[in-house]
Structures are given as structure tokens and as C-alpha cells.
Amino acid sequence: MLSYRHAFHAGNHADVLKHLILIEIAEYMAEKPAPFWIIDTHAGAGRYALDSAHASKLAEYRDGVGRLWEAKGLPKAALNYLDFVKMLNADEQLRHYPGSPWLARQLLRDSDRLRLYEMHSTDGKLLTECFKGSGRAVAITQGDGFLGLKAILPPPPRRALVLIDPSYETKNDYTAVIKALQDSLTRFATGTYALWYPMLGKPESRQLPDKLKRLGAANWLHATLEVKAPSRDGYGMHGSGMFIINPPWTLEKTLHDTLPTLATLLAQGDGAKYTLESETT
């Protein structure tokens, strides 16, 4: 929906999971010399001021990246994630948070490209300002990222990470992500697709993982992080999940080493836990 602004939720537990995984995948892809693209279908504003009116209203970052900011004994992947966040906070004070587009840009080499889609007009302007002067490395389209995938896949280098994380404010988004992945796998079966989704009491949310598994992808990895038990009234997000198609072979081990710590540090009550499952054929 055009009313959704990610600034309200910047740096929360869901962002920690999503962005840690984004970094791990992109760094793995950069280990090979061949160029690759990162395509972000719902890019948002690019980066966020945590003291802004939007971000400070709910201050969700305090129970997300804020919990990790001064934590000791973090696993390697969590420390790596924090290193990127600290790039925007040179004075060691947590005042800014990088969105997925900003993180993606830091992870690209000269030969790689970033393709961004954002429908919200205000966030679209902020996104453009965020990448002013980036030249050909970054292309921004104000429009529907689901439609954009049809036009852009397969990408010229035949290597790409596609990040899909809509707001899920309407039932249509749950249907749209399945259709988008079905079509994208037909056009570009070897691409890496990272889909984020919220864990809610809604049937659409609870049924989504099984629908993703039935897409028929030969290789997938499914990680969830719940910070509390589902509410009795069914309202509110108690966790989130990432479903990755064609993941790096190293990612499952990394998450196995990382998720237990995140589940402990980000817990907001009883019921905090994680799951990790995969399939390779």
C-alpha cells in the first residue's frame, strides 16, 4: 500500500534478520569474479534517521539493532552486520540505520549493479537523494517492483540476488509474492531469491511458508526468528521469516551459528525461538 513507510520499523528485529542474511548472500556472491546484480523490489528510503518523527514514534530499533549495539560475544555474522551499521554511525552512537538498498550498495564492486523499485512517492524521492551521484551503478524506478521483475529478468550477467519484502498490509501481497516467484523462476531459474515475510496470526501469513515450499525450487533455505509468542487476540507481529531460493551453500551453517544468539538477545517475552530448515535436490 502507498501508505506504508518502513521508517516506522527501521532497525527492528525483522530488519536484523533480513539485513544480516542480505549481507551474507551478497558477500558470498562477490567472492567470484563474475559481475552480479542486486534487485530490491520494495526498496524504501535507503537509509533512516532513528531520531526522526517516524522512527522515534515506535522506536522499534531499540529492541532490534539496539539490543546488539553493545552486546558482547556476538557470532561472526552478527558482528559483520553491525560493522555495516556502524558505517553510518561513525561516532559510535546509534542514530542512523541503513536500509537494504544502502547495504547492497556497499557490497557491490565496480562491475556489479543495483536495481531498485519503490512505489511510495516520498520514499522514492528520499531513495533518489540517497544515491545521488551513483551513476550507472544504481538505477531507481518509482513503480511496482513485482512488475519490474518481469521486465528485468534475466539480468545481463545471469547472476543476481533478488530481495522481495513488501509491506504485506493487504492480502494481495501474499498472492503477489507467490506469483512473482513463479514467474521469476521461469525466467531466471538460477537466480538467488530472498523473500522476507512477517509472522502474524493471519491465515495468509501462516500459510505462506508451505506455499513457498510448493513452488518446486530445487534448493531452498527457510529461517524464522520469533521474538515472543503469538498474541492471544491474533494481532501484532511476533516474528519474521526469510525464505531463500538457491542460497549460498555456506548460509545454513552461518545461520545455525547465529540464530540462537539472536533469539536470546532479541527476545521480548516467552516464546522467543528460531527455526531453520532446508531442502536440496
C-alpha atoms as a PDB file:
ATOM      1  CA  MET A   1       0.000   0.000   0.000  1.00  0.00           C
ATOM      2  CA  LEU A   2       1.150   3.535  -0.714  1.00  0.00           C
ATOM      3  CA  SER A   3       0.554   4.494   2.932  1.00  0.00           C
ATOM      4  CA  TYR A   4       3.288   2.170   4.216  1.00  0.00           C
ATOM      5  CA  ARG A   5       6.528   3.764   5.447  1.00  0.00           C
ATOM      6  CA  HIS A   6       9.311   1.476   6.606  1.00  0.00           C
ATOM      7  CA  ALA A   7      10.769   4.292   8.690  1.00  0.00           C
ATOM      8  CA  PHE A   8       8.341   3.363  11.477  1.00  0.00           C
ATOM      9  CA  HIS A   9      10.034  -0.041  11.791  1.00  0.00           C
ATOM     10  CA  ALA A  10      13.651   0.685  10.816  1.00  0.00           C
ATOM     11  CA  GLY A  11      16.205  -1.398  12.691  1.00  0.00           C
ATOM     12  CA  ASN A  12      13.702  -3.731  14.375  1.00  0.00           C
ATOM     13  CA  HIS A  13      14.204  -7.473  14.879  1.00  0.00           C
ATOM     14  CA  ALA A  14      12.898  -8.200  11.377  1.00  0.00           C
ATOM     15  CA  ASP A  15      15.455  -5.849   9.835  1.00  0.00           C
ATOM     16  CA  VAL A  16      18.229  -7.545  11.801  1.00  0.00           C
ATOM     17  CA  LEU A  17      17.312 -10.923  10.324  1.00  0.00           C
ATOM     18  CA  LYS A  18      16.715  -9.618   6.804  1.00  0.00           C
ATOM     19  CA  HIS A  19      19.813  -7.470   6.567  1.00  0.00           C
ATOM     20  CA  LEU A  20      22.171  -9.978   8.146  1.00  0.00           C
ATOM     21  CA  ILE A  21      21.104 -12.510   5.522  1.00  0.00           C
ATOM     22  CA  LEU A  22      21.349  -9.948   2.700  1.00  0.00           C
ATOM     23  CA  ILE A  23      24.938  -9.193   3.669  1.00  0.00           C
ATOM     24  CA  GLU A  24      25.907 -12.865   3.883  1.00  0.00           C
ATOM     25  CA  ILE A  25      24.480 -13.654   0.436  1.00  0.00           C
ATOM     26  CA  ALA A  26      25.980 -10.627  -1.294  1.00  0.00           C
ATOM     27  CA  GLU A  27      29.421 -11.188   0.205  1.00  0.00           C
ATOM     28  CA  TYR A  28      29.339 -14.796  -0.952  1.00  0.00           C
ATOM     29  CA  MET A  29      28.382 -13.746  -4.494  1.00  0.00           C
ATOM     30  CA  ALA A  30      31.211 -11.209  -4.539  1.00  0.00           C
ATOM     31  CA  GLU A  31      33.760 -13.962  -3.913  1.00  0.00           C
ATOM     32  CA  LYS A  32      33.517 -14.930  -7.589  1.00  0.00           C
ATOM     33  CA  PRO A  33      34.949 -12.509 -10.179  1.00  0.00           C
ATOM     34  CA  ALA A  34      31.887 -12.531 -12.451  1.00  0.00           C
ATOM     35  CA  PRO A  35      29.625  -9.474 -12.016  1.00  0.00           C
ATOM     36  CA  PHE A  36      26.199  -9.722 -10.405  1.00  0.00           C
ATOM     37  CA  TRP A  37      23.153  -7.571  -9.760  1.00  0.00           C
ATOM     38  CA  ILE A  38      21.131  -6.944  -6.618  1.00  0.00           C
ATOM     39  CA  ILE A  39      17.477  -6.227  -7.322  1.00  0.00           C
ATOM     40  CA  ASP A  40      15.327  -4.805  -4.498  1.00  0.00           C
ATOM     41  CA  THR A  41      11.607  -4.819  -5.294  1.00  0.00           C
ATOM     42  CA  HIS A  42      10.458  -2.734  -2.312  1.00  0.00           C
ATOM     43  CA  ALA A  43      13.433  -0.524  -1.580  1.00  0.00           C
ATOM     44  CA  GLY A  44      12.066   2.073   0.847  1.00  0.00           C
ATOM     45  CA  ALA A  45      14.010   5.274   1.545  1.00  0.00           C
ATOM     46  CA  GLY A  46      17.506   3.765   1.506  1.00  0.00           C
ATOM     47  CA  ARG A  47      18.553   4.859   4.985  1.00  0.00           C
ATOM     48  CA  TYR A  48      16.833   6.167   8.107  1.00  0.00           C
ATOM     49  CA  ALA A  49      17.438   8.682  10.888  1.00  0.00           C
ATOM     50  CA  LEU A  50      16.438   6.923  14.086  1.00  0.00           C
ATOM     51  CA  ASP A  51      15.651  10.220  15.806  1.00  0.00           C
ATOM     52  CA  SER A  52      13.183  11.215  13.081  1.00  0.00           C
ATOM     53  CA  ALA A  53       9.490  11.573  13.888  1.00  0.00           C
ATOM     54  CA  HIS A  54       8.673   8.341  12.063  1.00  0.00           C
ATOM     55  CA  ALA A  55      11.393   6.129  13.530  1.00  0.00           C
ATOM     56  CA  SER A  56      11.145   7.500  17.079  1.00  0.00           C
ATOM     57  CA  LYS A  57       7.358   7.132  17.251  1.00  0.00           C
ATOM     58  CA  LEU A  58       7.595   3.366  17.850  1.00  0.00           C
ATOM     59  CA  ALA A  59      11.377   3.205  18.396  1.00  0.00           C
ATOM     60  CA  GLU A  60      11.370  -0.446  17.334  1.00  0.00           C
ATOM     61  CA  TYR A  61      15.104  -0.281  16.737  1.00  0.00           C
ATOM     62  CA  ARG A  62      15.675  -0.310  20.492  1.00  0.00           C
ATOM     63  CA  ASP A  63      14.526  -3.949  20.627  1.00  0.00           C
ATOM     64  CA  GLY A  64      16.323  -4.773  17.381  1.00  0.00           C
ATOM     65  CA  VAL A  65      19.709  -3.434  16.364  1.00  0.00           C
ATOM     66  CA  GLY A  66      19.817  -1.517  19.660  1.00  0.00           C
ATOM     67  CA  ARG A  67      19.994  -4.786  21.605  1.00  0.00           C
ATOM     68  CA  LEU A  68      23.043  -5.869  19.588  1.00  0.00           C
ATOM     69  CA  TRP A  69      24.793  -2.498  19.586  1.00  0.00           C
ATOM     70  CA  GLU A  70      26.820  -3.046  22.754  1.00  0.00           C
ATOM     71  CA  ALA A  71      26.326  -6.786  23.204  1.00  0.00           C
ATOM     72  CA  LYS A  72      29.354  -8.958  23.892  1.00  0.00           C
ATOM     73  CA  GLY A  73      30.284 -12.322  22.409  1.00  0.00           C
ATOM     74  CA  LEU A  74      28.274 -11.957  19.205  1.00  0.00           C
ATOM     75  CA  PRO A  75      28.737 -14.554  16.441  1.00  0.00           C
ATOM     76  CA  LYS A  76      30.749 -13.565  13.387  1.00  0.00           C
ATOM     77  CA  ALA A  77      27.773 -12.836  11.108  1.00  0.00           C
ATOM     78  CA  ALA A  78      26.174 -10.530  13.702  1.00  0.00           C
ATOM     79  CA  LEU A  79      29.433  -8.632  14.139  1.00  0.00           C
ATOM     80  CA  ASN A  80      29.750  -8.318  10.379  1.00  0.00           C
ATOM     81  CA  TYR A  81      26.207  -6.920  10.183  1.00  0.00           C
ATOM     82  CA  LEU A  82      26.974  -4.390  12.924  1.00  0.00           C
ATOM     83  CA  ASP A  83      30.121  -3.279  11.093  1.00  0.00           C
ATOM     84  CA  PHE A  84      27.931  -2.095   8.228  1.00  0.00           C
ATOM     85  CA  VAL A  85      25.517  -0.311  10.555  1.00  0.00           C
ATOM     86  CA  LYS A  86      28.471   1.438  12.190  1.00  0.00           C
ATOM     87  CA  MET A  87      29.489   2.871   8.818  1.00  0.00           C
ATOM     88  CA  LEU A  88      26.543   5.251   9.224  1.00  0.00           C
ATOM     89  CA  ASN A  89      27.356   5.927  12.876  1.00  0.00           C
ATOM     90  CA  ALA A  90      30.981   6.987  12.976  1.00  0.00           C
ATOM     91  CA  ASP A  91      30.686   8.470  16.469  1.00  0.00           C
ATOM     92  CA  GLU A  92      29.612   5.077  17.891  1.00  0.00           C
ATOM     93  CA  GLN A  93      26.167   6.493  18.720  1.00  0.00           C
ATOM     94  CA  LEU A  94      23.262   4.654  17.112  1.00  0.00           C
ATOM     95  CA  ARG A  95      21.484   7.464  15.279  1.00  0.00           C
ATOM     96  CA  HIS A  96      21.148   6.151  11.727  1.00  0.00           C
ATOM     97  CA  TYR A  97      20.095   2.844  10.226  1.00  0.00           C
ATOM     98  CA  PRO A  98      20.892   1.547   6.733  1.00  0.00           C
ATOM     99  CA  GLY A  99      18.081   0.137   4.644  1.00  0.00           C
ATOM    100  CA  SER A 100      18.660  -2.780   2.306  1.00  0.00           C
ATOM    101  CA  PRO A 101      19.500  -0.527  -0.703  1.00  0.00           C
ATOM    102  CA  TRP A 102      22.254   1.275   1.206  1.00  0.00           C
ATOM    103  CA  LEU A 103      23.678  -2.014   2.442  1.00  0.00           C
ATOM    104  CA  ALA A 104      23.526  -3.500  -1.044  1.00  0.00           C
ATOM    105  CA  ARG A 105      25.439  -0.547  -2.479  1.00  0.00           C
ATOM    106  CA  GLN A 106      28.299  -1.066  -0.025  1.00  0.00           C
ATOM    107  CA  LEU A 107      28.532  -4.714  -1.070  1.00  0.00           C
ATOM    108  CA  LEU A 108      28.849  -4.121  -4.810  1.00  0.00           C
ATOM    109  CA  ARG A 109      32.039  -3.933  -6.812  1.00  0.00           C
ATOM    110  CA  ASP A 110      32.619  -1.651  -9.816  1.00  0.00           C
ATOM    111  CA  SER A 111      31.275  -4.267 -12.228  1.00  0.00           C
ATOM    112  CA  ASP A 112      28.103  -5.001 -10.221  1.00  0.00           C
ATOM    113  CA  ARG A 113      24.765  -3.179 -10.417  1.00  0.00           C
ATOM    114  CA  LEU A 114      21.898  -2.263  -8.084  1.00  0.00           C
ATOM    115  CA  ARG A 115      18.320  -2.019  -9.363  1.00  0.00           C
ATOM    116  CA  LEU A 116      15.747  -0.500  -7.008  1.00  0.00           C
ATOM    117  CA  TYR A 117      11.955  -0.176  -7.085  1.00  0.00           C
ATOM    118  CA  GLU A 118       9.793   1.914  -4.764  1.00  0.00           C
ATOM    119  CA  MET A 119       6.157   2.932  -5.161  1.00  0.00           C
ATOM    120  CA  HIS A 120       5.783   5.475  -2.347  1.00  0.00           C
ATOM    121  CA  SER A 121       6.452   8.931  -3.814  1.00  0.00           C
ATOM    122  CA  THR A 122       8.085  10.373  -0.675  1.00  0.00           C
ATOM    123  CA  ASP A 123      10.327   7.365  -0.128  1.00  0.00           C
ATOM    124  CA  GLY A 124      11.115   7.373  -3.839  1.00  0.00           C
ATOM    125  CA  LYS A 125      12.462  10.919  -3.564  1.00  0.00           C
ATOM    126  CA  LEU A 126      14.487  10.045  -0.469  1.00  0.00           C
ATOM    127  CA  LEU A 127      15.868   6.980  -2.241  1.00  0.00           C
ATOM    128  CA  THR A 128      16.952   9.092  -5.204  1.00  0.00           C
ATOM    129  CA  GLU A 129      18.652  11.560  -2.877  1.00  0.00           C
ATOM    130  CA  CYS A 130      20.386   8.708  -1.045  1.00  0.00           C
ATOM    131  CA  PHE A 131      22.054   7.556  -4.271  1.00  0.00           C
ATOM    132  CA  LYS A 132      22.691  10.906  -5.883  1.00  0.00           C
ATOM    133  CA  GLY A 133      25.879  10.710  -7.913  1.00  0.00           C
ATOM    134  CA  SER A 134      25.970   6.916  -8.116  1.00  0.00           C
ATOM    135  CA  GLY A 135      25.846   6.937 -11.904  1.00  0.00           C
ATOM    136  CA  ARG A 136      25.149   3.707 -13.767  1.00  0.00           C
ATOM    137  CA  ALA A 137      25.797   1.569 -10.711  1.00  0.00           C
ATOM    138  CA  VAL A 138      22.336   2.311  -9.307  1.00  0.00           C
ATOM    139  CA  ALA A 139      19.051   2.563 -11.216  1.00  0.00           C
ATOM    140  CA  ILE A 140      15.884   3.630  -9.384  1.00  0.00           C
ATOM    141  CA  THR A 141      12.366   3.118 -10.670  1.00  0.00           C
ATOM    142  CA  GLN A 142       9.342   4.608  -8.940  1.00  0.00           C
ATOM    143  CA  GLY A 143       6.842   1.861  -9.541  1.00  0.00           C
ATOM    144  CA  ASP A 144       5.721  -1.678  -8.839  1.00  0.00           C
ATOM    145  CA  GLY A 145       8.675  -3.936  -8.119  1.00  0.00           C
ATOM    146  CA  PHE A 146       6.683  -7.046  -8.991  1.00  0.00           C
ATOM    147  CA  LEU A 147       6.103  -5.681 -12.491  1.00  0.00           C
ATOM    148  CA  GLY A 148       9.708  -4.576 -12.627  1.00  0.00           C
ATOM    149  CA  LEU A 149      10.933  -8.140 -12.176  1.00  0.00           C
ATOM    150  CA  LYS A 150       9.151  -9.205 -15.339  1.00  0.00           C
ATOM    151  CA  ALA A 151      10.990  -6.570 -17.333  1.00  0.00           C
ATOM    152  CA  ILE A 152      14.426  -7.030 -15.812  1.00  0.00           C
ATOM    153  CA  LEU A 153      14.813 -10.817 -15.543  1.00  0.00           C
ATOM    154  CA  PRO A 154      17.016 -12.463 -16.542  1.00  0.00           C
ATOM    155  CA  PRO A 155      19.689  -9.827 -15.867  1.00  0.00           C
ATOM    156  CA  PRO A 156      22.540  -9.471 -18.390  1.00  0.00           C
ATOM    157  CA  PRO A 157      25.240 -11.048 -16.179  1.00  0.00           C
ATOM    158  CA  ARG A 158      22.994 -14.047 -15.377  1.00  0.00           C
ATOM    159  CA  ARG A 159      23.916 -13.676 -11.701  1.00  0.00           C
ATOM    160  CA  ALA A 160      21.625 -11.857  -9.305  1.00  0.00           C
ATOM    161  CA  LEU A 161      20.193 -11.627  -5.819  1.00  0.00           C
ATOM    162  CA  VAL A 162      16.545 -10.581  -5.768  1.00  0.00           C
ATOM    163  CA  LEU A 163      15.269  -9.227  -2.448  1.00  0.00           C
ATOM    164  CA  ILE A 164      11.485  -9.205  -2.077  1.00  0.00           C
ATOM    165  CA  ASP A 165       9.958  -7.657   1.045  1.00  0.00           C
ATOM    166  CA  PRO A 166       6.600  -5.932   0.529  1.00  0.00           C
ATOM    167  CA  SER A 167       4.591  -4.465   3.404  1.00  0.00           C
ATOM    168  CA  TYR A 168       2.018  -7.294   3.464  1.00  0.00           C
ATOM    169  CA  GLU A 169      -0.582  -4.742   4.539  1.00  0.00           C
ATOM    170  CA  THR A 170      -3.100  -6.356   2.196  1.00  0.00           C
ATOM    171  CA  LYS A 171      -3.915  -9.959   1.265  1.00  0.00           C
ATOM    172  CA  ASN A 172      -2.852  -9.160  -2.277  1.00  0.00           C
ATOM    173  CA  ASP A 173       0.817  -9.050  -1.278  1.00  0.00           C
ATOM    174  CA  TYR A 174       0.732 -12.691  -0.169  1.00  0.00           C
ATOM    175  CA  THR A 175      -0.644 -13.712  -3.549  1.00  0.00           C
ATOM    176  CA  ALA A 176       1.692 -11.369  -5.391  1.00  0.00           C
ATOM    177  CA  VAL A 177       4.895 -12.796  -3.893  1.00  0.00           C
ATOM    178  CA  ILE A 178       3.951 -16.323  -4.946  1.00  0.00           C
ATOM    179  CA  LYS A 179       3.089 -15.215  -8.474  1.00  0.00           C
ATOM    180  CA  ALA A 180       6.256 -13.131  -8.705  1.00  0.00           C
ATOM    181  CA  LEU A 181       8.462 -16.036  -7.676  1.00  0.00           C
ATOM    182  CA  GLN A 182       6.682 -18.455 -10.005  1.00  0.00           C
ATOM    183  CA  ASP A 183       7.202 -16.118 -12.950  1.00  0.00           C
ATOM    184  CA  SER A 184      10.761 -15.199 -11.939  1.00  0.00           C
ATOM    185  CA  LEU A 185      11.854 -18.821 -11.642  1.00  0.00           C
ATOM    186  CA  THR A 186      10.534 -19.427 -15.146  1.00  0.00           C
ATOM    187  CA  ARG A 187      12.541 -16.509 -16.493  1.00  0.00           C
ATOM    188  CA  PHE A 188      15.639 -16.918 -14.317  1.00  0.00           C
ATOM    189  CA  ALA A 189      15.773 -20.273 -12.553  1.00  0.00           C
ATOM    190  CA  THR A 190      19.369 -19.907 -11.346  1.00  0.00           C
ATOM    191  CA  GLY A 191      18.878 -16.613  -9.544  1.00  0.00           C
ATOM    192  CA  THR A 192      19.029 -16.275  -5.773  1.00  0.00           C
ATOM    193  CA  TYR A 193      15.732 -15.051  -4.311  1.00  0.00           C
ATOM    194  CA  ALA A 194      15.428 -13.832  -0.720  1.00  0.00           C
ATOM    195  CA  LEU A 195      11.841 -13.319   0.402  1.00  0.00           C
ATOM    196  CA  TRP A 196      11.027 -11.706   3.746  1.00  0.00           C
ATOM    197  CA  TYR A 197       7.625 -12.138   5.394  1.00  0.00           C
ATOM    198  CA  PRO A 198       6.051 -11.226   8.748  1.00  0.00           C
ATOM    199  CA  MET A 199       4.869 -13.851  11.199  1.00  0.00           C
ATOM    200  CA  LEU A 200       1.306 -12.856  12.084  1.00  0.00           C
ATOM    201  CA  GLY A 201      -1.859 -14.518  13.254  1.00  0.00           C
ATOM    202  CA  LYS A 202      -3.430 -14.004   9.836  1.00  0.00           C
ATOM    203  CA  PRO A 203      -4.081 -17.188   7.815  1.00  0.00           C
ATOM    204  CA  GLU A 204      -2.270 -15.662   4.850  1.00  0.00           C
ATOM    205  CA  SER A 205       0.907 -15.315   6.874  1.00  0.00           C
ATOM    206  CA  ARG A 206       0.723 -18.752   8.472  1.00  0.00           C
ATOM    207  CA  GLN A 207       0.071 -20.460   5.120  1.00  0.00           C
ATOM    208  CA  LEU A 208       2.763 -18.651   3.142  1.00  0.00           C
ATOM    209  CA  PRO A 209       5.762 -20.885   4.057  1.00  0.00           C
ATOM    210  CA  ASP A 210       4.024 -24.042   2.795  1.00  0.00           C
ATOM    211  CA  LYS A 211       3.095 -22.279  -0.438  1.00  0.00           C
ATOM    212  CA  LEU A 212       6.712 -21.226  -0.893  1.00  0.00           C
ATOM    213  CA  LYS A 213       7.917 -24.793  -0.382  1.00  0.00           C
ATOM    214  CA  ARG A 214       5.488 -25.985  -3.040  1.00  0.00           C
ATOM    215  CA  LEU A 215       6.960 -23.682  -5.678  1.00  0.00           C
ATOM    216  CA  GLY A 216       9.192 -26.559  -6.704  1.00  0.00           C
ATOM    217  CA  ALA A 217      12.551 -24.879  -6.243  1.00  0.00           C
ATOM    218  CA  ALA A 218      15.333 -27.454  -6.119  1.00  0.00           C
ATOM    219  CA  ASN A 219      17.246 -25.664  -3.359  1.00  0.00           C
ATOM    220  CA  TRP A 220      15.810 -23.541  -0.585  1.00  0.00           C
ATOM    221  CA  LEU A 221      16.557 -22.411   2.955  1.00  0.00           C
ATOM    222  CA  HIS A 222      13.897 -21.217   5.397  1.00  0.00           C
ATOM    223  CA  ALA A 223      14.815 -19.287   8.549  1.00  0.00           C
ATOM    224  CA  THR A 224      12.443 -17.801  11.116  1.00  0.00           C
ATOM    225  CA  LEU A 225      13.055 -15.670  14.177  1.00  0.00           C
ATOM    226  CA  GLU A 226      10.268 -15.238  16.718  1.00  0.00           C
ATOM    227  CA  VAL A 227      10.827 -12.712  19.499  1.00  0.00           C
ATOM    228  CA  LYS A 228       7.730 -13.625  21.508  1.00  0.00           C
ATOM    229  CA  ALA A 229       4.758 -15.951  21.494  1.00  0.00           C
ATOM    230  CA  PRO A 230       1.829 -15.057  19.207  1.00  0.00           C
ATOM    231  CA  SER A 231      -0.715 -12.842  20.955  1.00  0.00           C
ATOM    232  CA  ARG A 232      -3.961 -14.442  22.022  1.00  0.00           C
ATOM    233  CA  ASP A 233      -6.018 -11.964  20.013  1.00  0.00           C
ATOM    234  CA  GLY A 234      -4.012 -12.706  16.873  1.00  0.00           C
ATOM    235  CA  TYR A 235      -2.796  -9.126  16.413  1.00  0.00           C
ATOM    236  CA  GLY A 236       0.754  -7.909  16.043  1.00  0.00           C
ATOM    237  CA  MET A 237       3.922  -9.346  14.519  1.00  0.00           C
ATOM    238  CA  HIS A 238       5.674 -11.846  16.771  1.00  0.00           C
ATOM    239  CA  GLY A 239       8.495 -12.670  14.376  1.00  0.00           C
ATOM    240  CA  SER A 240       9.514 -12.882  10.745  1.00  0.00           C
ATOM    241  CA  GLY A 241      10.927 -15.302   8.250  1.00  0.00           C
ATOM    242  CA  MET A 242      13.288 -15.402   5.299  1.00  0.00           C
ATOM    243  CA  PHE A 243      12.780 -17.918   2.503  1.00  0.00           C
ATOM    244  CA  ILE A 244      15.818 -18.126   0.250  1.00  0.00           C
ATOM    245  CA  ILE A 245      15.781 -19.945  -3.071  1.00  0.00           C
ATOM    246  CA  ASN A 246      19.195 -21.036  -4.399  1.00  0.00           C
ATOM    247  CA  PRO A 247      21.028 -19.917  -1.236  1.00  0.00           C
ATOM    248  CA  PRO A 248      24.811 -19.971  -0.849  1.00  0.00           C
ATOM    249  CA  TRP A 249      25.884 -23.351   0.481  1.00  0.00           C
ATOM    250  CA  THR A 250      27.539 -21.567   3.422  1.00  0.00           C
ATOM    251  CA  LEU A 251      24.403 -19.763   4.617  1.00  0.00           C
ATOM    252  CA  GLU A 252      22.754 -22.598   6.525  1.00  0.00           C
ATOM    253  CA  LYS A 253      25.830 -23.126   8.714  1.00  0.00           C
ATOM    254  CA  THR A 254      26.117 -19.387   9.302  1.00  0.00           C
ATOM    255  CA  LEU A 255      22.507 -19.125  10.444  1.00  0.00           C
ATOM    256  CA  HIS A 256      22.846 -22.260  12.570  1.00  0.00           C
ATOM    257  CA  ASP A 257      25.658 -20.471  14.412  1.00  0.00           C
ATOM    258  CA  THR A 258      23.867 -17.108  14.597  1.00  0.00           C
ATOM    259  CA  LEU A 259      20.130 -17.589  15.157  1.00  0.00           C
ATOM    260  CA  PRO A 260      20.367 -18.991  18.714  1.00  0.00           C
ATOM    261  CA  THR A 261      22.108 -15.807  19.861  1.00  0.00           C
ATOM    262  CA  LEU A 262      19.630 -13.571  18.051  1.00  0.00           C
ATOM    263  CA  ALA A 263      16.687 -15.442  19.566  1.00  0.00           C
ATOM    264  CA  THR A 264      18.133 -14.887  23.036  1.00  0.00           C
ATOM    265  CA  LEU A 265      19.184 -11.252  22.658  1.00  0.00           C
ATOM    266  CA  LEU A 266      16.084 -10.076  20.789  1.00  0.00           C
ATOM    267  CA  ALA A 267      13.526 -11.903  22.944  1.00  0.00           C
ATOM    268  CA  GLN A 268      10.613  -9.726  24.036  1.00  0.00           C
ATOM    269  CA  GLY A 269       8.912 -12.341  26.172  1.00  0.00           C
ATOM    270  CA  ASP A 270       8.147 -16.025  26.464  1.00  0.00           C
ATOM    271  CA  GLY A 271       8.075 -17.958  23.222  1.00  0.00           C
ATOM    272  CA  ALA A 272      11.160 -16.469  21.591  1.00  0.00           C
ATOM    273  CA  LYS A 273      12.714 -19.051  19.277  1.00  0.00           C
ATOM    274  CA  TYR A 274      14.096 -19.729  15.818  1.00  0.00           C
ATOM    275  CA  THR A 275      13.714 -22.392  13.158  1.00  0.00           C
ATOM    276  CA  LEU A 276      15.965 -23.388  10.303  1.00  0.00           C
ATOM    277  CA  GLU A 277      15.089 -25.879   7.578  1.00  0.00           C
ATOM    278  CA  SER A 278      16.328 -26.572   4.071  1.00  0.00           C
ATOM    279  CA  GLU A 279      15.935 -28.759   1.039  1.00  0.00           C
ATOM    280  CA  THR A 280      18.482 -29.647  -1.621  1.00  0.00           C
ATOM    281  CA  THR A 281      17.807 -31.909  -4.568  1.00  0.00           C
END
